[in-house]
Every structure is written in C-alpha cells, then in structure tokens.
Amino acid sequence: MRIRFLLIIILLWINVCYSATTFQQTLTTTVPAAVNITAVNTALATGTINAAGGNSSSPAASFRLQTNGADSNYTYVVQAKLLTTTNTQTNAYAQIGAQGYILLGNNSPSNYPTAAAINNITGGNPTATNNANVIAYPITNALNNLSSITLTNLPAYGGLCYKVTTGNSKDGTLTQTLGSTPLLNTYSITNDRAGVYQAIVTLSANRNP
C-alpha cells in the first residue's frame, strides 16, 4: 500500500498599501528698508566767477537717490556748509523773502569769512563792506523722478536745509544750481579776495525711528 503525501504549497501574496505623507514649510524673510546716495555729474560742481561783477558760470551739485523704502523710513536732507575764521563749519544756506541762497566762502585759511560776515548776509540786509570773502547766489532745485524739495528750518540738522521726499519713486535725481548773478551787496571786487570760493553740499538719508 502506498501512501502518497500531497504537498500543497499555498503562496499567500499579501498586498501592503503605503500612503504618502507630505510635509510643507513656508520660508519667509524680511528685506529691510535701504537707501543709496551717489554724487553724479561731479564735473559740473566746479565753475568760475567773473571778477568784474561776481557773475558765476552756474555750477551745480547733483545727486542720485535710490531706495526700496517709503518716505516714512527716512528723512532726506540737503545741507550746505562753509568754513569760518574759527576753522569751524557753519550753515551756508540763507533765505531772503521766498528765495533760497547758498553762500560761498573763500577757501584759503587766511581768508576764511568771519561769522559776522556770514550773519551780515543771512540777516537779509547785506552790505558789501561787512561781508568780505563770502558771496551769496540764488539757487534753483530740479527734481527728476522725485516728489518734492522744501527749504525748511530743522534745528536737528543745523537750521536751514532742504527736505526731500521721494513719493512713489525708488530712483531719482536732484540737481541744485547756482544762479549766475550774486545777491546784491554780497560781492565786491575790493573786499572779496581772489581765490577759490566754495560750499560743501551733502544729501543724507537719516533713518526714522
């Protein structure tokens, strides 16, 4: 008698299902307000004065202002300074009536103007014999792609200065040009010594708190 063993092999296929899990992250960063100011057309900042009558060739100070911020982020200020006999810088802007002026001072230490000479002009009633070695010229301001410029008195910035706003612009220029004719009684061929006359004009961005 033969006994047969039937071997049955059952293969069980187990289907295992895997589910996909997704992790998501959002990266955020903040770009702070920033500003960049450069002097442009610097060759135009140098000119000449006619010795006979004091007429200038109308030099100009020009700046380019770039920012990614709003006017609330910065206070933009144009200031002008000149040196006096005490070797200190003083404000070189004046306002007479509605007109703004810039004062150019002799740049030779032996011929620096006195504080009294500057005050004689800024007081609004200049006399040539009392303002030696400093000459005042009217100024005009031209804006390209900027919003406004206003002559104002800001004690935090040394008194008279120009406040600039950018508006919606993020890239613009400002040019401040001297008029050709000096303010009456601020130039005298006998009282103003020959030499280089200058004022230092700066445009600064001051971050607001």
C-alpha atoms as a PDB file:
ATOM      1  CA  MET A   1       0.000   0.000   0.000  1.00  0.00           C
ATOM      2  CA  ARG A   2       1.430   3.162  -0.987  1.00  0.00           C
ATOM      3  CA  ILE A   3       0.581   6.318   0.743  1.00  0.00           C
ATOM      4  CA  ARG A   4       1.079   9.451  -1.117  1.00  0.00           C
ATOM      5  CA  PHE A   5       1.522  12.706   0.588  1.00  0.00           C
ATOM      6  CA  LEU A   6       0.217  15.575  -1.367  1.00  0.00           C
ATOM      7  CA  LEU A   7       2.174  18.585  -0.553  1.00  0.00           C
ATOM      8  CA  ILE A   8       0.246  21.638  -1.267  1.00  0.00           C
ATOM      9  CA  ILE A   9       2.106  24.865  -1.147  1.00  0.00           C
ATOM     10  CA  ILE A  10      -0.005  27.866  -0.889  1.00  0.00           C
ATOM     11  CA  LEU A  11       1.619  31.110  -1.709  1.00  0.00           C
ATOM     12  CA  LEU A  12      -0.024  33.936   0.034  1.00  0.00           C
ATOM     13  CA  TRP A  13       0.528  37.312  -1.511  1.00  0.00           C
ATOM     14  CA  ILE A  14      -0.056  39.992   0.966  1.00  0.00           C
ATOM     15  CA  ASN A  15      -0.710  43.313  -0.594  1.00  0.00           C
ATOM     16  CA  VAL A  16       0.539  46.089   1.622  1.00  0.00           C
ATOM     17  CA  CYS A  17      -0.627  49.583   0.836  1.00  0.00           C
ATOM     18  CA  TYR A  18       1.584  52.514   1.707  1.00  0.00           C
ATOM     19  CA  SER A  19       0.234  56.058   1.974  1.00  0.00           C
ATOM     20  CA  ALA A  20       2.377  59.106   1.026  1.00  0.00           C
ATOM     21  CA  THR A  21       2.889  61.832   3.669  1.00  0.00           C
ATOM     22  CA  THR A  22       3.807  65.384   2.604  1.00  0.00           C
ATOM     23  CA  PHE A  23       5.492  67.957   4.778  1.00  0.00           C
ATOM     24  CA  GLN A  24       5.228  71.581   3.729  1.00  0.00           C
ATOM     25  CA  GLN A  25       7.141  74.564   5.012  1.00  0.00           C
ATOM     26  CA  THR A  26       6.895  78.207   4.093  1.00  0.00           C
ATOM     27  CA  LEU A  27      10.094  80.216   4.159  1.00  0.00           C
ATOM     28  CA  THR A  28       9.765  83.908   4.914  1.00  0.00           C
ATOM     29  CA  THR A  29      12.296  86.678   5.199  1.00  0.00           C
ATOM     30  CA  THR A  30      12.164  90.437   5.521  1.00  0.00           C
ATOM     31  CA  VAL A  31      14.040  92.881   3.307  1.00  0.00           C
ATOM     32  CA  PRO A  32      14.787  95.994   5.391  1.00  0.00           C
ATOM     33  CA  ALA A  33      14.440  99.497   4.037  1.00  0.00           C
ATOM     34  CA  ALA A  34      17.676 100.646   2.443  1.00  0.00           C
ATOM     35  CA  VAL A  35      18.938 103.663   0.563  1.00  0.00           C
ATOM     36  CA  ASN A  36      21.850 104.504  -1.728  1.00  0.00           C
ATOM     37  CA  ILE A  37      23.017 108.051  -2.500  1.00  0.00           C
ATOM     38  CA  THR A  38      25.716 108.930  -5.024  1.00  0.00           C
ATOM     39  CA  ALA A  39      27.085 112.185  -6.398  1.00  0.00           C
ATOM     40  CA  VAL A  40      26.611 112.472 -10.165  1.00  0.00           C
ATOM     41  CA  ASN A  41      27.886 114.875 -12.823  1.00  0.00           C
ATOM     42  CA  THR A  42      30.645 115.968 -10.443  1.00  0.00           C
ATOM     43  CA  ALA A  43      32.429 117.921 -13.166  1.00  0.00           C
ATOM     44  CA  LEU A  44      29.535 120.399 -13.111  1.00  0.00           C
ATOM     45  CA  ALA A  45      30.181 121.239  -9.455  1.00  0.00           C
ATOM     46  CA  THR A  46      33.165 123.407 -10.395  1.00  0.00           C
ATOM     47  CA  GLY A  47      32.755 126.776 -12.059  1.00  0.00           C
ATOM     48  CA  THR A  48      34.186 130.266 -12.359  1.00  0.00           C
ATOM     49  CA  ILE A  49      33.373 133.722 -11.026  1.00  0.00           C
ATOM     50  CA  ASN A  50      33.845 136.821 -13.137  1.00  0.00           C
ATOM     51  CA  ALA A  51      35.979 139.186 -11.101  1.00  0.00           C
ATOM     52  CA  ALA A  52      34.423 142.322 -12.573  1.00  0.00           C
ATOM     53  CA  GLY A  53      30.876 141.760 -11.329  1.00  0.00           C
ATOM     54  CA  GLY A  54      30.866 138.469  -9.454  1.00  0.00           C
ATOM     55  CA  ASN A  55      28.765 136.611 -12.017  1.00  0.00           C
ATOM     56  CA  SER A  56      29.209 132.834 -11.834  1.00  0.00           C
ATOM     57  CA  SER A  57      29.172 130.142 -14.508  1.00  0.00           C
ATOM     58  CA  SER A  58      26.357 128.453 -12.534  1.00  0.00           C
ATOM     59  CA  PRO A  59      27.961 125.303 -11.129  1.00  0.00           C
ATOM     60  CA  ALA A  60      25.624 122.619  -9.795  1.00  0.00           C
ATOM     61  CA  ALA A  61      25.608 119.856  -7.199  1.00  0.00           C
ATOM     62  CA  SER A  62      23.810 116.701  -8.372  1.00  0.00           C
ATOM     63  CA  PHE A  63      22.803 113.540  -6.519  1.00  0.00           C
ATOM     64  CA  ARG A  64      21.140 110.229  -7.355  1.00  0.00           C
ATOM     65  CA  LEU A  65      18.871 108.735  -4.682  1.00  0.00           C
ATOM     66  CA  GLN A  66      17.800 105.073  -4.774  1.00  0.00           C
ATOM     67  CA  THR A  67      15.660 103.373  -2.131  1.00  0.00           C
ATOM     68  CA  ASN A  68      13.301 100.461  -1.607  1.00  0.00           C
ATOM     69  CA  GLY A  69      11.562 102.178   1.302  1.00  0.00           C
ATOM     70  CA  ALA A  70       8.901 104.796   1.849  1.00  0.00           C
ATOM     71  CA  ASP A  71       9.341 108.408   2.924  1.00  0.00           C
ATOM     72  CA  SER A  72       8.330 107.316   6.414  1.00  0.00           C
ATOM     73  CA  ASN A  73      11.521 105.239   6.638  1.00  0.00           C
ATOM     74  CA  TYR A  74      13.965 108.095   6.106  1.00  0.00           C
ATOM     75  CA  THR A  75      14.345 111.851   6.354  1.00  0.00           C
ATOM     76  CA  TYR A  76      16.263 113.060   3.285  1.00  0.00           C
ATOM     77  CA  VAL A  77      18.096 116.323   3.907  1.00  0.00           C
ATOM     78  CA  VAL A  78      20.289 118.552   1.730  1.00  0.00           C
ATOM     79  CA  GLN A  79      22.749 120.619   3.773  1.00  0.00           C
ATOM     80  CA  ALA A  80      25.421 123.164   2.854  1.00  0.00           C
ATOM     81  CA  LYS A  81      28.446 124.139   4.941  1.00  0.00           C
ATOM     82  CA  LEU A  82      31.359 126.556   4.685  1.00  0.00           C
ATOM     83  CA  LEU A  83      34.393 127.238   6.867  1.00  0.00           C
ATOM     84  CA  THR A  84      34.814 130.367   9.007  1.00  0.00           C
ATOM     85  CA  THR A  85      37.803 132.058  10.614  1.00  0.00           C
ATOM     86  CA  THR A  86      37.430 129.835  13.687  1.00  0.00           C
ATOM     87  CA  ASN A  87      38.009 126.832  11.378  1.00  0.00           C
ATOM     88  CA  THR A  88      34.510 125.561  12.093  1.00  0.00           C
ATOM     89  CA  GLN A  89      31.761 124.704   9.641  1.00  0.00           C
ATOM     90  CA  THR A  90      28.658 126.861   9.552  1.00  0.00           C
ATOM     91  CA  ASN A  91      25.397 126.677   7.636  1.00  0.00           C
ATOM     92  CA  ALA A  92      25.787 128.007   4.100  1.00  0.00           C
ATOM     93  CA  TYR A  93      22.085 128.401   3.270  1.00  0.00           C
ATOM     94  CA  ALA A  94      20.111 131.612   3.599  1.00  0.00           C
ATOM     95  CA  GLN A  95      16.521 132.555   2.893  1.00  0.00           C
ATOM     96  CA  ILE A  96      15.662 136.085   1.888  1.00  0.00           C
ATOM     97  CA  GLY A  97      11.993 136.503   1.109  1.00  0.00           C
ATOM     98  CA  ALA A  98      10.865 133.355  -0.669  1.00  0.00           C
ATOM     99  CA  GLN A  99      14.231 132.766  -2.334  1.00  0.00           C
ATOM    100  CA  GLY A 100      16.869 130.339  -1.129  1.00  0.00           C
ATOM    101  CA  TYR A 101      20.555 131.281  -1.396  1.00  0.00           C
ATOM    102  CA  ILE A 102      23.825 129.464  -0.941  1.00  0.00           C
ATOM    103  CA  LEU A 103      26.879 131.212   0.494  1.00  0.00           C
ATOM    104  CA  LEU A 104      30.306 130.500  -0.986  1.00  0.00           C
ATOM    105  CA  GLY A 105      33.242 131.212   1.301  1.00  0.00           C
ATOM    106  CA  ASN A 106      36.883 131.837   0.447  1.00  0.00           C
ATOM    107  CA  ASN A 107      38.653 128.509   0.951  1.00  0.00           C
ATOM    108  CA  SER A 108      42.034 129.891   1.960  1.00  0.00           C
ATOM    109  CA  PRO A 109      42.525 129.678   5.764  1.00  0.00           C
ATOM    110  CA  SER A 110      43.957 133.198   5.842  1.00  0.00           C
ATOM    111  CA  ASN A 111      40.836 134.470   4.055  1.00  0.00           C
ATOM    112  CA  TYR A 112      38.063 132.457   5.677  1.00  0.00           C
ATOM    113  CA  PRO A 113      34.990 134.668   6.218  1.00  0.00           C
ATOM    114  CA  THR A 114      34.063 135.662   9.741  1.00  0.00           C
ATOM    115  CA  ALA A 115      30.843 134.636  11.431  1.00  0.00           C
ATOM    116  CA  ALA A 116      29.868 138.322  11.387  1.00  0.00           C
ATOM    117  CA  ALA A 117      30.297 138.454   7.593  1.00  0.00           C
ATOM    118  CA  ILE A 118      28.010 135.458   7.182  1.00  0.00           C
ATOM    119  CA  ASN A 119      25.439 136.922   9.552  1.00  0.00           C
ATOM    120  CA  ASN A 120      25.507 140.157   7.575  1.00  0.00           C
ATOM    121  CA  ILE A 121      24.148 138.238   4.582  1.00  0.00           C
ATOM    122  CA  THR A 122      21.785 135.839   6.311  1.00  0.00           C
ATOM    123  CA  GLY A 123      20.233 138.767   8.188  1.00  0.00           C
ATOM    124  CA  GLY A 124      18.680 139.840   4.887  1.00  0.00           C
ATOM    125  CA  ASN A 125      20.231 143.307   4.514  1.00  0.00           C
ATOM    126  CA  PRO A 126      23.807 142.769   3.297  1.00  0.00           C
ATOM    127  CA  THR A 127      26.417 145.487   2.939  1.00  0.00           C
ATOM    128  CA  ALA A 128      29.489 144.696   0.863  1.00  0.00           C
ATOM    129  CA  THR A 129      31.947 146.223   3.324  1.00  0.00           C
ATOM    130  CA  ASN A 130      30.702 143.908   6.075  1.00  0.00           C
ATOM    131  CA  ASN A 131      30.704 140.528   4.318  1.00  0.00           C
ATOM    132  CA  ALA A 132      34.206 140.142   2.951  1.00  0.00           C
ATOM    133  CA  ASN A 133      35.200 136.789   1.450  1.00  0.00           C
ATOM    134  CA  VAL A 134      31.692 135.345   1.281  1.00  0.00           C
ATOM    135  CA  ILE A 135      29.329 135.627  -1.705  1.00  0.00           C
ATOM    136  CA  ALA A 136      25.663 134.616  -1.921  1.00  0.00           C
ATOM    137  CA  TYR A 137      23.981 133.204  -5.019  1.00  0.00           C
ATOM    138  CA  PRO A 138      20.329 132.251  -5.585  1.00  0.00           C
ATOM    139  CA  ILE A 139      19.725 128.559  -6.120  1.00  0.00           C
ATOM    140  CA  THR A 140      17.225 126.518  -8.065  1.00  0.00           C
ATOM    141  CA  ASN A 141      16.437 122.855  -7.473  1.00  0.00           C
ATOM    142  CA  ALA A 142      15.500 120.445 -10.257  1.00  0.00           C
ATOM    143  CA  LEU A 143      13.996 117.047  -9.411  1.00  0.00           C
ATOM    144  CA  ASN A 144      13.830 114.089 -11.759  1.00  0.00           C
ATOM    145  CA  ASN A 145      11.554 111.257 -10.625  1.00  0.00           C
ATOM    146  CA  LEU A 146      11.414 112.557  -7.042  1.00  0.00           C
ATOM    147  CA  SER A 147       8.408 114.111  -5.332  1.00  0.00           C
ATOM    148  CA  SER A 148       9.351 117.394  -3.629  1.00  0.00           C
ATOM    149  CA  ILE A 149      12.067 119.558  -2.121  1.00  0.00           C
ATOM    150  CA  THR A 150      11.319 122.206   0.517  1.00  0.00           C
ATOM    151  CA  LEU A 151      13.542 124.772   2.202  1.00  0.00           C
ATOM    152  CA  THR A 152      12.865 124.455   5.908  1.00  0.00           C
ATOM    153  CA  ASN A 153      14.419 125.140   9.294  1.00  0.00           C
ATOM    154  CA  LEU A 154      15.332 121.914  11.073  1.00  0.00           C
ATOM    155  CA  PRO A 155      17.392 122.544  14.234  1.00  0.00           C
ATOM    156  CA  ALA A 156      18.425 118.871  14.330  1.00  0.00           C
ATOM    157  CA  TYR A 157      20.197 119.440  11.013  1.00  0.00           C
ATOM    158  CA  GLY A 158      21.813 122.770  11.768  1.00  0.00           C
ATOM    159  CA  GLY A 159      18.995 125.101  10.770  1.00  0.00           C
ATOM    160  CA  LEU A 160      18.116 125.906   7.177  1.00  0.00           C
ATOM    161  CA  CYS A 161      18.213 122.883   4.873  1.00  0.00           C
ATOM    162  CA  TYR A 162      16.225 121.282   2.095  1.00  0.00           C
ATOM    163  CA  LYS A 163      13.953 118.340   2.880  1.00  0.00           C
ATOM    164  CA  VAL A 164      13.389 115.904   0.015  1.00  0.00           C
ATOM    165  CA  THR A 165      10.582 113.390  -0.444  1.00  0.00           C
ATOM    166  CA  THR A 166      10.648 110.517  -2.925  1.00  0.00           C
ATOM    167  CA  GLY A 167       6.921 109.790  -3.208  1.00  0.00           C
ATOM    168  CA  ASN A 168       6.339 106.574  -5.130  1.00  0.00           C
ATOM    169  CA  SER A 169       9.697 106.770  -6.851  1.00  0.00           C
ATOM    170  CA  LYS A 170      12.541 104.442  -5.937  1.00  0.00           C
ATOM    171  CA  ASP A 171      15.199 106.010  -8.154  1.00  0.00           C
ATOM    172  CA  GLY A 172      15.587 109.708  -8.918  1.00  0.00           C
ATOM    173  CA  THR A 173      17.968 112.652  -9.106  1.00  0.00           C
ATOM    174  CA  LEU A 174      18.286 116.102  -7.577  1.00  0.00           C
ATOM    175  CA  THR A 175      20.290 118.970  -9.049  1.00  0.00           C
ATOM    176  CA  GLN A 176      20.933 122.227  -7.173  1.00  0.00           C
ATOM    177  CA  THR A 177      22.224 125.009  -9.428  1.00  0.00           C
ATOM    178  CA  LEU A 178      23.654 128.436  -8.599  1.00  0.00           C
ATOM    179  CA  GLY A 179      22.212 131.442 -10.338  1.00  0.00           C
ATOM    180  CA  SER A 180      24.664 133.489 -12.340  1.00  0.00           C
ATOM    181  CA  THR A 181      24.106 136.807 -10.536  1.00  0.00           C
ATOM    182  CA  PRO A 182      25.172 137.216  -6.901  1.00  0.00           C
ATOM    183  CA  LEU A 183      22.855 138.641  -4.293  1.00  0.00           C
ATOM    184  CA  LEU A 184      23.164 142.428  -4.317  1.00  0.00           C
ATOM    185  CA  ASN A 185      25.885 143.764  -1.998  1.00  0.00           C
ATOM    186  CA  THR A 186      27.446 140.345  -1.353  1.00  0.00           C
ATOM    187  CA  TYR A 187      30.211 140.650  -3.958  1.00  0.00           C
ATOM    188  CA  SER A 188      32.830 143.371  -4.060  1.00  0.00           C
ATOM    189  CA  ILE A 189      35.977 143.376  -6.171  1.00  0.00           C
ATOM    190  CA  THR A 190      37.728 145.351  -3.452  1.00  0.00           C
ATOM    191  CA  ASN A 191      36.516 143.401  -0.398  1.00  0.00           C
ATOM    192  CA  ASP A 192      36.403 139.790  -1.642  1.00  0.00           C
ATOM    193  CA  ARG A 193      39.910 138.427  -2.009  1.00  0.00           C
ATOM    194  CA  ALA A 194      40.857 136.365  -5.064  1.00  0.00           C
ATOM    195  CA  GLY A 195      40.860 132.591  -4.615  1.00  0.00           C
ATOM    196  CA  VAL A 196      38.629 129.554  -4.525  1.00  0.00           C
ATOM    197  CA  TYR A 197      35.142 130.069  -3.083  1.00  0.00           C
ATOM    198  CA  GLN A 198      33.176 127.027  -2.089  1.00  0.00           C
ATOM    199  CA  ALA A 199      30.425 125.426  -0.062  1.00  0.00           C
ATOM    200  CA  ILE A 200      30.128 121.722   0.682  1.00  0.00           C
ATOM    201  CA  VAL A 201      26.687 120.362  -0.261  1.00  0.00           C
ATOM    202  CA  THR A 202      25.557 116.981   1.056  1.00  0.00           C
ATOM    203  CA  LEU A 203      22.442 114.862   0.648  1.00  0.00           C
ATOM    204  CA  SER A 204      21.932 112.488   3.553  1.00  0.00           C
ATOM    205  CA  ALA A 205      19.367 109.823   4.447  1.00  0.00           C
ATOM    206  CA  ASN A 206      18.559 109.650   8.143  1.00  0.00           C
ATOM    207  CA  ARG A 207      16.642 106.589   9.295  1.00  0.00           C
ATOM    208  CA  ASN A 208      13.485 107.397  11.225  1.00  0.00           C
ATOM    209  CA  PRO A 209      12.747 105.552  14.477  1.00  0.00           C
END
